Amino acid sequence: MNTITTLDGTTATIAVRGDIDFDTLPPLRAAADALPAHVTGLRWDLNHTLFMDIAGLHLLFAPTPPGRPDRRIAVTGLRPQPLRLLRLAAGTNPATFRLDRLLCDTPAACEGAERA
């Protein structure tokens, strides 16, 4: 698994190449934690992620730890298996796994969904 991080103003995109599981969760969290404080939107590009286990739910839906900037999260490029996992989680607990906040093209596009 490797990542490519790009910055565009206050939005960062982290493109993941490889599976997301508990072995890859720490470096993915580290990539997000290394973003500058002015970044308010984080887009996870999963075009090259064919498999994601429950670690992906921890990555995408974990509460912001104290002292870290609160960022709007969006996901793009979901492949069938990761999308199926997200839909299953949302079907089980829609209040916790709010896909309307996550499945936007950009974090800025998710702003309206956050108010819903």
PDB file of N, CA and C in Angstrom:
ATOM      1  N   MET A   1       0.845  -1.164   0.000  1.00  0.00           N
ATOM      2  CA  MET A   1       0.000   0.000   0.000  1.00  0.00           C
ATOM      3  C   MET A   1       0.891   1.227   0.000  1.00  0.00           C
ATOM      4  N   ASN A   2       0.537   2.194  -0.838  1.00  0.00           N
ATOM      5  CA  ASN A   2       1.208   3.485  -0.779  1.00  0.00           C
ATOM      6  C   ASN A   2       0.178   4.581  -0.989  1.00  0.00           C
ATOM      7  N   THR A   3       0.573   5.798  -0.688  1.00  0.00           N
ATOM      8  CA  THR A   3      -0.338   6.929  -0.811  1.00  0.00           C
ATOM      9  C   THR A   3       0.345   8.070  -1.530  1.00  0.00           C
ATOM     10  N   ILE A   4      -0.477   8.896  -2.151  1.00  0.00           N
ATOM     11  CA  ILE A   4      -0.024  10.137  -2.756  1.00  0.00           C
ATOM     12  C   ILE A   4      -0.918  11.232  -2.193  1.00  0.00           C
ATOM     13  N   THR A   5      -0.322  12.239  -1.592  1.00  0.00           N
ATOM     14  CA  THR A   5      -1.064  13.333  -0.995  1.00  0.00           C
ATOM     15  C   THR A   5      -0.880  14.581  -1.838  1.00  0.00           C
ATOM     16  N   THR A   6      -1.997  15.234  -2.169  1.00  0.00           N
ATOM     17  CA  THR A   6      -1.951  16.503  -2.882  1.00  0.00           C
ATOM     18  C   THR A   6      -2.757  17.536  -2.108  1.00  0.00           C
ATOM     19  N   LEU A   7      -2.305  18.769  -2.163  1.00  0.00           N
ATOM     20  CA  LEU A   7      -2.988  19.867  -1.496  1.00  0.00           C
ATOM     21  C   LEU A   7      -3.511  20.840  -2.538  1.00  0.00           C
ATOM     22  N   ASP A   8      -4.721  21.324  -2.319  1.00  0.00           N
ATOM     23  CA  ASP A   8      -5.326  22.339  -3.170  1.00  0.00           C
ATOM     24  C   ASP A   8      -6.041  23.321  -2.242  1.00  0.00           C
ATOM     25  N   GLY A   9      -5.347  24.358  -1.846  1.00  0.00           N
ATOM     26  CA  GLY A   9      -5.918  25.317  -0.905  1.00  0.00           C
ATOM     27  C   GLY A   9      -6.117  24.673   0.455  1.00  0.00           C
ATOM     28  N   THR A  10      -7.374  24.643   0.898  1.00  0.00           N
ATOM     29  CA  THR A  10      -7.686  24.068   2.206  1.00  0.00           C
ATOM     30  C   THR A  10      -8.165  22.620   2.112  1.00  0.00           C
ATOM     31  N   THR A  11      -8.037  22.027   0.924  1.00  0.00           N
ATOM     32  CA  THR A  11      -8.462  20.636   0.729  1.00  0.00           C
ATOM     33  C   THR A  11      -7.253  19.773   0.373  1.00  0.00           C
ATOM     34  N   ALA A  12      -7.175  18.624   1.006  1.00  0.00           N
ATOM     35  CA  ALA A  12      -6.136  17.646   0.702  1.00  0.00           C
ATOM     36  C   ALA A  12      -6.796  16.400   0.134  1.00  0.00           C
ATOM     37  N   THR A  13      -6.111  15.779  -0.810  1.00  0.00           N
ATOM     38  CA  THR A  13      -6.543  14.485  -1.332  1.00  0.00           C
ATOM     39  C   THR A  13      -5.445  13.478  -1.032  1.00  0.00           C
ATOM     40  N   ILE A  14      -5.854  12.378  -0.433  1.00  0.00           N
ATOM     41  CA  ILE A  14      -4.922  11.273  -0.209  1.00  0.00           C
ATOM     42  C   ILE A  14      -5.400  10.119  -1.076  1.00  0.00           C
ATOM     43  N   ALA A  15      -4.621   9.811  -2.098  1.00  0.00           N
ATOM     44  CA  ALA A  15      -4.925   8.697  -2.998  1.00  0.00           C
ATOM     45  C   ALA A  15      -4.260   7.441  -2.443  1.00  0.00           C
ATOM     46  N   VAL A  16      -5.070   6.437  -2.208  1.00  0.00           N
ATOM     47  CA  VAL A  16      -4.587   5.181  -1.626  1.00  0.00           C
ATOM     48  C   VAL A  16      -4.440   4.158  -2.739  1.00  0.00           C
ATOM     49  N   ARG A  17      -3.306   3.507  -2.783  1.00  0.00           N
ATOM     50  CA  ARG A  17      -3.062   2.431  -3.745  1.00  0.00           C
ATOM     51  C   ARG A  17      -2.808   1.156  -2.962  1.00  0.00           C
ATOM     52  N   GLY A  18      -3.849   0.344  -2.863  1.00  0.00           N
ATOM     53  CA  GLY A  18      -3.743  -0.902  -2.123  1.00  0.00           C
ATOM     54  C   GLY A  18      -4.918  -1.065  -1.180  1.00  0.00           C
ATOM     55  N   ASP A  19      -4.932  -2.185  -0.500  1.00  0.00           N
ATOM     56  CA  ASP A  19      -6.016  -2.516   0.414  1.00  0.00           C
ATOM     57  C   ASP A  19      -5.945  -1.685   1.692  1.00  0.00           C
ATOM     58  N   ILE A  20      -7.103  -1.524   2.324  1.00  0.00           N
ATOM     59  CA  ILE A  20      -7.166  -0.878   3.636  1.00  0.00           C
ATOM     60  C   ILE A  20      -7.564  -1.946   4.646  1.00  0.00           C
ATOM     61  N   ASP A  21      -6.637  -2.215   5.580  1.00  0.00           N
ATOM     62  CA  ASP A  21      -6.888  -3.179   6.642  1.00  0.00           C
ATOM     63  C   ASP A  21      -6.133  -2.684   7.877  1.00  0.00           C
ATOM     64  N   PHE A  22      -6.122  -3.492   8.931  1.00  0.00           N
ATOM     65  CA  PHE A  22      -5.491  -3.022  10.157  1.00  0.00           C
ATOM     66  C   PHE A  22      -3.979  -2.869  10.033  1.00  0.00           C
ATOM     67  N   ASP A  23      -3.343  -3.513   9.056  1.00  0.00           N
ATOM     68  CA  ASP A  23      -1.915  -3.309   8.833  1.00  0.00           C
ATOM     69  C   ASP A  23      -1.642  -1.962   8.170  1.00  0.00           C
ATOM     70  N   THR A  24      -2.546  -1.522   7.324  1.00  0.00           N
ATOM     71  CA  THR A  24      -2.337  -0.263   6.609  1.00  0.00           C
ATOM     72  C   THR A  24      -2.996   0.932   7.297  1.00  0.00           C
ATOM     73  N   LEU A  25      -3.816   0.687   8.308  1.00  0.00           N
ATOM     74  CA  LEU A  25      -4.495   1.779   9.009  1.00  0.00           C
ATOM     75  C   LEU A  25      -3.523   2.769   9.653  1.00  0.00           C
ATOM     76  N   PRO A  26      -2.502   2.334  10.392  1.00  0.00           N
ATOM     77  CA  PRO A  26      -1.602   3.324  11.013  1.00  0.00           C
ATOM     78  C   PRO A  26      -0.926   4.271  10.014  1.00  0.00           C
ATOM     79  N   PRO A  27      -0.372   3.776   8.882  1.00  0.00           N
ATOM     80  CA  PRO A  27       0.234   4.740   7.956  1.00  0.00           C
ATOM     81  C   PRO A  27      -0.793   5.665   7.299  1.00  0.00           C
ATOM     82  N   LEU A  28      -2.026   5.183   7.110  1.00  0.00           N
ATOM     83  CA  LEU A  28      -3.056   6.051   6.545  1.00  0.00           C
ATOM     84  C   LEU A  28      -3.432   7.151   7.534  1.00  0.00           C
ATOM     85  N   ARG A  29      -3.579   6.784   8.795  1.00  0.00           N
ATOM     86  CA  ARG A  29      -3.847   7.800   9.819  1.00  0.00           C
ATOM     87  C   ARG A  29      -2.689   8.781   9.920  1.00  0.00           C
ATOM     88  N   ALA A  30      -1.477   8.279   9.819  1.00  0.00           N
ATOM     89  CA  ALA A  30      -0.301   9.151   9.884  1.00  0.00           C
ATOM     90  C   ALA A  30      -0.285  10.136   8.721  1.00  0.00           C
ATOM     91  N   ALA A  31      -0.691   9.682   7.536  1.00  0.00           N
ATOM     92  CA  ALA A  31      -0.746  10.583   6.380  1.00  0.00           C
ATOM     93  C   ALA A  31      -1.754  11.697   6.620  1.00  0.00           C
ATOM     94  N   ALA A  32      -2.906  11.360   7.192  1.00  0.00           N
ATOM     95  CA  ALA A  32      -3.911  12.382   7.490  1.00  0.00           C
ATOM     96  C   ALA A  32      -3.434  13.298   8.610  1.00  0.00           C
ATOM     97  N   ASP A  33      -2.788  12.737   9.624  1.00  0.00           N
ATOM     98  CA  ASP A  33      -2.307  13.538  10.747  1.00  0.00           C
ATOM     99  C   ASP A  33      -1.190  14.492  10.332  1.00  0.00           C
ATOM    100  N   ALA A  34      -0.460  14.161   9.282  1.00  0.00           N
ATOM    101  CA  ALA A  34       0.654  14.992   8.829  1.00  0.00           C
ATOM    102  C   ALA A  34       0.206  16.194   8.001  1.00  0.00           C
ATOM    103  N   LEU A  35      -1.073  16.276   7.690  1.00  0.00           N
ATOM    104  CA  LEU A  35      -1.555  17.400   6.890  1.00  0.00           C
ATOM    105  C   LEU A  35      -1.432  18.698   7.672  1.00  0.00           C
ATOM    106  N   PRO A  36      -1.195  19.804   6.967  1.00  0.00           N
ATOM    107  CA  PRO A  36      -1.102  21.094   7.650  1.00  0.00           C
ATOM    108  C   PRO A  36      -2.409  21.455   8.359  1.00  0.00           C
ATOM    109  N   ALA A  37      -2.308  22.254   9.383  1.00  0.00           N
ATOM    110  CA  ALA A  37      -3.468  22.629  10.196  1.00  0.00           C
ATOM    111  C   ALA A  37      -4.519  23.401   9.402  1.00  0.00           C
ATOM    112  N   HIS A  38      -4.120  24.104   8.337  1.00  0.00           N
ATOM    113  CA  HIS A  38      -5.097  24.895   7.566  1.00  0.00           C
ATOM    114  C   HIS A  38      -5.995  24.027   6.686  1.00  0.00           C
ATOM    115  N   VAL A  39      -5.706  22.745   6.559  1.00  0.00           N
ATOM    116  CA  VAL A  39      -6.521  21.842   5.736  1.00  0.00           C
ATOM    117  C   VAL A  39      -7.809  21.529   6.487  1.00  0.00           C
ATOM    118  N   THR A  40      -8.938  21.935   5.896  1.00  0.00           N
ATOM    119  CA  THR A  40     -10.247  21.715   6.525  1.00  0.00           C
ATOM    120  C   THR A  40     -11.064  20.651   5.808  1.00  0.00           C
ATOM    121  N   GLY A  41     -10.615  20.221   4.647  1.00  0.00           N
ATOM    122  CA  GLY A  41     -11.302  19.175   3.896  1.00  0.00           C
ATOM    123  C   GLY A  41     -10.328  18.098   3.483  1.00  0.00           C
ATOM    124  N   LEU A  42     -10.734  16.849   3.691  1.00  0.00           N
ATOM    125  CA  LEU A  42      -9.891  15.712   3.320  1.00  0.00           C
ATOM    126  C   LEU A  42     -10.679  14.771   2.425  1.00  0.00           C
ATOM    127  N   ARG A  43     -10.158  14.550   1.238  1.00  0.00           N
ATOM    128  CA  ARG A  43     -10.771  13.621   0.291  1.00  0.00           C
ATOM    129  C   ARG A  43      -9.893  12.379   0.200  1.00  0.00           C
ATOM    130  N   TRP A  44     -10.478  11.223   0.470  1.00  0.00           N
ATOM    131  CA  TRP A  44      -9.800   9.949   0.293  1.00  0.00           C
ATOM    132  C   TRP A  44     -10.152   9.435  -1.094  1.00  0.00           C
ATOM    133  N   ASP A  45      -9.165   9.316  -1.963  1.00  0.00           N
ATOM    134  CA  ASP A  45      -9.357   8.787  -3.316  1.00  0.00           C
ATOM    135  C   ASP A  45      -9.067   7.288  -3.270  1.00  0.00           C
ATOM    136  N   LEU A  46     -10.121   6.484  -3.430  1.00  0.00           N
ATOM    137  CA  LEU A  46      -9.989   5.027  -3.311  1.00  0.00           C
ATOM    138  C   LEU A  46     -10.124   4.311  -4.656  1.00  0.00           C
ATOM    139  N   ASN A  47      -9.799   5.003  -5.738  1.00  0.00           N
ATOM    140  CA  ASN A  47      -9.868   4.400  -7.070  1.00  0.00           C
ATOM    141  C   ASN A  47      -9.042   3.122  -7.183  1.00  0.00           C
ATOM    142  N   HIS A  48      -7.947   3.043  -6.440  1.00  0.00           N
ATOM    143  CA  HIS A  48      -7.047   1.891  -6.543  1.00  0.00           C
ATOM    144  C   HIS A  48      -7.081   1.035  -5.280  1.00  0.00           C
ATOM    145  N   THR A  49      -8.217   1.058  -4.594  1.00  0.00           N
ATOM    146  CA  THR A  49      -8.407   0.242  -3.399  1.00  0.00           C
ATOM    147  C   THR A  49      -9.509  -0.761  -3.693  1.00  0.00           C
ATOM    148  N   LEU A  50      -9.123  -2.003  -3.892  1.00  0.00           N
ATOM    149  CA  LEU A  50     -10.094  -3.042  -4.234  1.00  0.00           C
ATOM    150  C   LEU A  50     -10.735  -3.665  -3.007  1.00  0.00           C
ATOM    151  N   PHE A  51     -10.045  -3.616  -1.851  1.00  0.00           N
ATOM    152  CA  PHE A  51     -10.544  -4.258  -0.643  1.00  0.00           C
ATOM    153  C   PHE A  51     -10.372  -3.334   0.555  1.00  0.00           C
ATOM    154  N   MET A  52     -11.391  -3.309   1.401  1.00  0.00           N
ATOM    155  CA  MET A  52     -11.342  -2.555   2.637  1.00  0.00           C
ATOM    156  C   MET A  52     -12.091  -3.357   3.690  1.00  0.00           C
ATOM    157  N   ASP A  53     -11.457  -3.578   4.839  1.00  0.00           N
ATOM    158  CA  ASP A  53     -12.164  -4.257   5.924  1.00  0.00           C
ATOM    159  C   ASP A  53     -12.620  -3.218   6.941  1.00  0.00           C
ATOM    160  N   ILE A  54     -12.968  -3.655   8.124  1.00  0.00           N
ATOM    161  CA  ILE A  54     -13.509  -2.757   9.136  1.00  0.00           C
ATOM    162  C   ILE A  54     -12.542  -1.620   9.491  1.00  0.00           C
ATOM    163  N   ALA A  55     -11.267  -1.815   9.231  1.00  0.00           N
ATOM    164  CA  ALA A  55     -10.290  -0.751   9.466  1.00  0.00           C
ATOM    165  C   ALA A  55     -10.639   0.489   8.651  1.00  0.00           C
ATOM    166  N   GLY A  56     -11.215   0.301   7.473  1.00  0.00           N
ATOM    167  CA  GLY A  56     -11.640   1.438   6.665  1.00  0.00           C
ATOM    168  C   GLY A  56     -12.733   2.242   7.345  1.00  0.00           C
ATOM    169  N   LEU A  57     -13.619   1.560   8.068  1.00  0.00           N
ATOM    170  CA  LEU A  57     -14.652   2.275   8.819  1.00  0.00           C
ATOM    171  C   LEU A  57     -14.013   3.095   9.933  1.00  0.00           C
ATOM    172  N   HIS A  58     -13.002   2.530  10.590  1.00  0.00           N
ATOM    173  CA  HIS A  58     -12.285   3.272  11.623  1.00  0.00           C
ATOM    174  C   HIS A  58     -11.595   4.495  11.030  1.00  0.00           C
ATOM    175  N   LEU A  59     -11.045   4.351   9.851  1.00  0.00           N
ATOM    176  CA  LEU A  59     -10.358   5.465   9.196  1.00  0.00           C
ATOM    177  C   LEU A  59     -11.331   6.575   8.816  1.00  0.00           C
ATOM    178  N   LEU A  60     -12.437   6.206   8.210  1.00  0.00           N
ATOM    179  CA  LEU A  60     -13.351   7.201   7.638  1.00  0.00           C
ATOM    180  C   LEU A  60     -14.319   7.801   8.645  1.00  0.00           C
ATOM    181  N   PHE A  61     -14.621   7.084   9.726  1.00  0.00           N
ATOM    182  CA  PHE A  61     -15.653   7.558  10.649  1.00  0.00           C
ATOM    183  C   PHE A  61     -15.152   7.808  12.071  1.00  0.00           C
ATOM    184  N   ALA A  62     -13.867   7.728  12.301  1.00  0.00           N
ATOM    185  CA  ALA A  62     -13.344   7.951  13.648  1.00  0.00           C
ATOM    186  C   ALA A  62     -13.555   9.405  14.062  1.00  0.00           C
ATOM    187  N   PRO A  63     -13.926   9.625  15.310  1.00  0.00           N
ATOM    188  CA  PRO A  63     -14.046  11.010  15.774  1.00  0.00           C
ATOM    189  C   PRO A  63     -12.674  11.687  15.774  1.00  0.00           C
ATOM    190  N   THR A  64     -12.686  12.986  15.626  1.00  0.00           N
ATOM    191  CA  THR A  64     -11.446  13.745  15.626  1.00  0.00           C
ATOM    192  C   THR A  64     -10.857  13.771  17.033  1.00  0.00           C
ATOM    193  N   PRO A  65      -9.610  13.345  17.180  1.00  0.00           N
ATOM    194  CA  PRO A  65      -8.995  13.380  18.509  1.00  0.00           C
ATOM    195  C   PRO A  65      -8.841  14.827  18.997  1.00  0.00           C
ATOM    196  N   PRO A  66      -8.875  15.040  20.308  1.00  0.00           N
ATOM    197  CA  PRO A  66      -8.694  16.394  20.848  1.00  0.00           C
ATOM    198  C   PRO A  66      -7.357  16.985  20.403  1.00  0.00           C
ATOM    199  N   GLY A  67      -7.384  18.265  20.113  1.00  0.00           N
ATOM    200  CA  GLY A  67      -6.166  18.962  19.704  1.00  0.00           C
ATOM    201  C   GLY A  67      -5.848  18.869  18.232  1.00  0.00           C
ATOM    202  N   ARG A  68      -6.642  18.122  17.470  1.00  0.00           N
ATOM    203  CA  ARG A  68      -6.412  18.014  16.030  1.00  0.00           C
ATOM    204  C   ARG A  68      -7.512  18.772  15.297  1.00  0.00           C
ATOM    205  N   PRO A  69      -7.209  19.300  14.114  1.00  0.00           N
ATOM    206  CA  PRO A  69      -8.237  20.043  13.377  1.00  0.00           C
ATOM    207  C   PRO A  69      -9.388  19.140  12.939  1.00  0.00           C
ATOM    208  N   ASP A  70     -10.602  19.667  13.041  1.00  0.00           N
ATOM    209  CA  ASP A  70     -11.787  18.947  12.578  1.00  0.00           C
ATOM    210  C   ASP A  70     -11.874  19.128  11.066  1.00  0.00           C
ATOM    211  N   ARG A  71     -11.931  18.036  10.323  1.00  0.00           N
ATOM    212  CA  ARG A  71     -11.942  18.108   8.858  1.00  0.00           C
ATOM    213  C   ARG A  71     -13.179  17.428   8.308  1.00  0.00           C
ATOM    214  N   ARG A  72     -13.712  18.028   7.237  1.00  0.00           N
ATOM    215  CA  ARG A  72     -14.790  17.372   6.499  1.00  0.00           C
ATOM    216  C   ARG A  72     -14.144  16.266   5.665  1.00  0.00           C
ATOM    217  N   ILE A  73     -14.745  15.099   5.696  1.00  0.00           N
ATOM    218  CA  ILE A  73     -14.200  13.934   4.997  1.00  0.00           C
ATOM    219  C   ILE A  73     -15.111  13.598   3.818  1.00  0.00           C
ATOM    220  N   ALA A  74     -14.497  13.311   2.682  1.00  0.00           N
ATOM    221  CA  ALA A  74     -15.220  12.824   1.506  1.00  0.00           C
ATOM    222  C   ALA A  74     -14.437  11.649   0.929  1.00  0.00           C
ATOM    223  N   VAL A  75     -15.138  10.800   0.209  1.00  0.00           N
ATOM    224  CA  VAL A  75     -14.511   9.642  -0.434  1.00  0.00           C
ATOM    225  C   VAL A  75     -14.905   9.642  -1.902  1.00  0.00           C
ATOM    226  N   THR A  76     -13.941   9.392  -2.759  1.00  0.00           N
ATOM    227  CA  THR A  76     -14.202   9.262  -4.190  1.00  0.00           C
ATOM    228  C   THR A  76     -13.623   7.949  -4.681  1.00  0.00           C
ATOM    229  N   GLY A  77     -14.099   7.509  -5.821  1.00  0.00           N
ATOM    230  CA  GLY A  77     -13.544   6.342  -6.492  1.00  0.00           C
ATOM    231  C   GLY A  77     -13.796   5.023  -5.795  1.00  0.00           C
ATOM    232  N   LEU A  78     -14.903   4.907  -5.103  1.00  0.00           N
ATOM    233  CA  LEU A  78     -15.175   3.659  -4.393  1.00  0.00           C
ATOM    234  C   LEU A  78     -15.385   2.500  -5.358  1.00  0.00           C
ATOM    235  N   ARG A  79     -14.661   1.439  -5.124  1.00  0.00           N
ATOM    236  CA  ARG A  79     -14.805   0.207  -5.882  1.00  0.00           C
ATOM    237  C   ARG A  79     -15.947  -0.600  -5.254  1.00  0.00           C
ATOM    238  N   PRO A  80     -16.401  -1.672  -5.904  1.00  0.00           N
ATOM    239  CA  PRO A  80     -17.576  -2.400  -5.409  1.00  0.00           C
ATOM    240  C   PRO A  80     -17.470  -2.922  -3.972  1.00  0.00           C
ATOM    241  N   GLN A  81     -16.366  -3.558  -3.604  1.00  0.00           N
ATOM    242  CA  GLN A  81     -16.296  -4.137  -2.263  1.00  0.00           C
ATOM    243  C   GLN A  81     -16.269  -3.065  -1.174  1.00  0.00           C
ATOM    244  N   PRO A  82     -15.439  -2.013  -1.258  1.00  0.00           N
ATOM    245  CA  PRO A  82     -15.500  -0.978  -0.221  1.00  0.00           C
ATOM    246  C   PRO A  82     -16.870  -0.288  -0.149  1.00  0.00           C
ATOM    247  N   LEU A  83     -17.496  -0.067  -1.285  1.00  0.00           N
ATOM    248  CA  LEU A  83     -18.825   0.539  -1.294  1.00  0.00           C
ATOM    249  C   LEU A  83     -19.838  -0.380  -0.614  1.00  0.00           C
ATOM    250  N   ARG A  84     -19.736  -1.668  -0.879  1.00  0.00           N
ATOM    251  CA  ARG A  84     -20.635  -2.642  -0.246  1.00  0.00           C
ATOM    252  C   ARG A  84     -20.459  -2.625   1.278  1.00  0.00           C
ATOM    253  N   LEU A  85     -19.226  -2.543   1.743  1.00  0.00           N
ATOM    254  CA  LEU A  85     -18.960  -2.471   3.179  1.00  0.00           C
ATOM    255  C   LEU A  85     -19.574  -1.208   3.779  1.00  0.00           C
ATOM    256  N   LEU A  86     -19.402  -0.073   3.123  1.00  0.00           N
ATOM    257  CA  LEU A  86     -19.975   1.176   3.638  1.00  0.00           C
ATOM    258  C   LEU A  86     -21.495   1.113   3.675  1.00  0.00           C
ATOM    259  N   ARG A  87     -22.102   0.555   2.646  1.00  0.00           N
ATOM    260  CA  ARG A  87     -23.572   0.435   2.625  1.00  0.00           C
ATOM    261  C   ARG A  87     -24.064  -0.512   3.716  1.00  0.00           C
ATOM    262  N   LEU A  88     -23.342  -1.591   3.954  1.00  0.00           N
ATOM    263  CA  LEU A  88     -23.705  -2.522   5.013  1.00  0.00           C
ATOM    264  C   LEU A  88     -23.623  -1.831   6.380  1.00  0.00           C
ATOM    265  N   ALA A  89     -22.550  -1.099   6.609  1.00  0.00           N
ATOM    266  CA  ALA A  89     -22.394  -0.381   7.877  1.00  0.00           C
ATOM    267  C   ALA A  89     -23.500   0.657   8.046  1.00  0.00           C
ATOM    268  N   ALA A  90     -23.807   1.387   6.988  1.00  0.00           N
ATOM    269  CA  ALA A  90     -24.856   2.406   7.063  1.00  0.00           C
ATOM    270  C   ALA A  90     -26.222   1.773   7.294  1.00  0.00           C
ATOM    271  N   GLY A  91     -26.451   0.618   6.700  1.00  0.00           N
ATOM    272  CA  GLY A  91     -27.718  -0.076   6.908  1.00  0.00           C
ATOM    273  C   GLY A  91     -27.863  -0.595   8.328  1.00  0.00           C
ATOM    274  N   THR A  92     -26.748  -0.927   8.948  1.00  0.00           N
ATOM    275  CA  THR A  92     -26.752  -1.432  10.313  1.00  0.00           C
ATOM    276  C   THR A  92     -26.913  -0.298  11.324  1.00  0.00           C
ATOM    277  N   ASN A  93     -26.218   0.814  11.076  1.00  0.00           N
ATOM    278  CA  ASN A  93     -26.258   1.942  12.009  1.00  0.00           C
ATOM    279  C   ASN A  93     -26.157   3.251  11.224  1.00  0.00           C
ATOM    280  N   PRO A  94     -27.273   3.716  10.646  1.00  0.00           N
ATOM    281  CA  PRO A  94     -27.219   4.903   9.793  1.00  0.00           C
ATOM    282  C   PRO A  94     -26.835   6.183  10.525  1.00  0.00           C
ATOM    283  N   ALA A  95     -27.063   6.273  11.815  1.00  0.00           N
ATOM    284  CA  ALA A  95     -26.692   7.484  12.548  1.00  0.00           C
ATOM    285  C   ALA A  95     -25.177   7.602  12.706  1.00  0.00           C
ATOM    286  N   THR A  96     -24.504   6.482  12.835  1.00  0.00           N
ATOM    287  CA  THR A  96     -23.047   6.484  12.988  1.00  0.00           C
ATOM    288  C   THR A  96     -22.348   6.560  11.646  1.00  0.00           C
ATOM    289  N   PHE A  97     -22.832   5.815  10.673  1.00  0.00           N
ATOM    290  CA  PHE A  97     -22.185   5.726   9.365  1.00  0.00           C
ATOM    291  C   PHE A  97     -22.991   6.532   8.354  1.00  0.00           C
ATOM    292  N   ARG A  98     -22.862   7.855   8.423  1.00  0.00           N
ATOM    293  CA  ARG A  98     -23.612   8.781   7.575  1.00  0.00           C
ATOM    294  C   ARG A  98     -22.974   8.878   6.194  1.00  0.00           C
ATOM    295  N   LEU A  99     -23.481   8.104   5.252  1.00  0.00           N
ATOM    296  CA  LEU A  99     -22.913   8.109   3.907  1.00  0.00           C
ATOM    297  C   LEU A  99     -23.196   9.400   3.168  1.00  0.00           C
ATOM    298  N   ASP A 100     -24.283  10.102   3.522  1.00  0.00           N
ATOM    299  CA  ASP A 100     -24.572  11.359   2.849  1.00  0.00           C
ATOM    300  C   ASP A 100     -23.470  12.386   3.102  1.00  0.00           C
ATOM    301  N   ARG A 101     -22.754  12.269   4.203  1.00  0.00           N
ATOM    302  CA  ARG A 101     -21.634  13.170   4.492  1.00  0.00           C
ATOM    303  C   ARG A 101     -20.351  12.726   3.794  1.00  0.00           C
ATOM    304  N   LEU A 102     -20.250  11.461   3.530  1.00  0.00           N
ATOM    305  CA  LEU A 102     -18.998  10.889   3.058  1.00  0.00           C
ATOM    306  C   LEU A 102     -18.913  10.770   1.541  1.00  0.00           C
ATOM    307  N   LEU A 103     -20.034  10.460   0.896  1.00  0.00           N
ATOM    308  CA  LEU A 103     -20.007  10.149  -0.532  1.00  0.00           C
ATOM    309  C   LEU A 103     -20.299  11.383  -1.373  1.00  0.00           C
ATOM    310  N   CYS A 104     -19.439  12.371  -1.246  1.00  0.00           N
ATOM    311  CA  CYS A 104     -19.526  13.591  -2.040  1.00  0.00           C
ATOM    312  C   CYS A 104     -18.269  13.663  -2.899  1.00  0.00           C
ATOM    313  N   ASP A 105     -18.355  14.381  -3.989  1.00  0.00           N
ATOM    314  CA  ASP A 105     -17.181  14.518  -4.848  1.00  0.00           C
ATOM    315  C   ASP A 105     -16.044  15.269  -4.153  1.00  0.00           C
ATOM    316  N   THR A 106     -16.402  16.258  -3.355  1.00  0.00           N
ATOM    317  CA  THR A 106     -15.399  17.043  -2.647  1.00  0.00           C
ATOM    318  C   THR A 106     -15.887  17.316  -1.226  1.00  0.00           C
ATOM    319  N   PRO A 107     -14.993  17.567  -0.280  1.00  0.00           N
ATOM    320  CA  PRO A 107     -15.440  17.907   1.063  1.00  0.00           C
ATOM    321  C   PRO A 107     -16.358  19.141   1.082  1.00  0.00           C
ATOM    322  N   ALA A 108     -16.085  20.118   0.217  1.00  0.00           N
ATOM    323  CA  ALA A 108     -16.939  21.311   0.181  1.00  0.00           C
ATOM    324  C   ALA A 108     -18.371  20.950  -0.237  1.00  0.00           C
ATOM    325  N   ALA A 109     -18.510  19.982  -1.130  1.00  0.00           N
ATOM    326  CA  ALA A 109     -19.853  19.564  -1.553  1.00  0.00           C
ATOM    327  C   ALA A 109     -20.603  18.874  -0.429  1.00  0.00           C
ATOM    328  N   CYS A 110     -19.872  18.365   0.556  1.00  0.00           N
ATOM    329  CA  CYS A 110     -20.492  17.686   1.691  1.00  0.00           C
ATOM    330  C   CYS A 110     -21.050  18.661   2.718  1.00  0.00           C
ATOM    331  N   GLU A 111     -20.725  19.936   2.624  1.00  0.00           N
ATOM    332  CA  GLU A 111     -21.169  20.891   3.639  1.00  0.00           C
ATOM    333  C   GLU A 111     -22.674  20.895   3.801  1.00  0.00           C
ATOM    334  N   GLY A 112     -23.415  20.880   2.712  1.00  0.00           N
ATOM    335  CA  GLY A 112     -24.865  20.858   2.810  1.00  0.00           C
ATOM    336  C   GLY A 112     -25.381  19.591   3.456  1.00  0.00           C
ATOM    337  N   ALA A 113     -24.731  18.485   3.192  1.00  0.00           N
ATOM    338  CA  ALA A 113     -25.141  17.209   3.776  1.00  0.00           C
ATOM    339  C   ALA A 113     -24.893  17.186   5.272  1.00  0.00           C
ATOM    340  N   GLU A 114     -23.870  17.919   5.744  1.00  0.00           N
ATOM    341  CA  GLU A 114     -23.565  17.938   7.170  1.00  0.00           C
ATOM    342  C   GLU A 114     -24.673  18.596   7.956  1.00  0.00           C
ATOM    343  N   ARG A 115     -25.381  19.519   7.340  1.00  0.00           N
ATOM    344  CA  ARG A 115     -26.457  20.220   8.029  1.00  0.00           C
ATOM    345  C   ARG A 115     -27.729  19.399   8.059  1.00  0.00           C
ATOM    346  N   ALA A 116     -27.819  18.406   7.191  1.00  0.00           N
ATOM    347  CA  ALA A 116     -29.052  17.592   7.108  1.00  0.00           C
ATOM    348  C   ALA A 116     -29.205  16.675   8.295  1.00  0.00           C
TER     349      ALA A 116
END
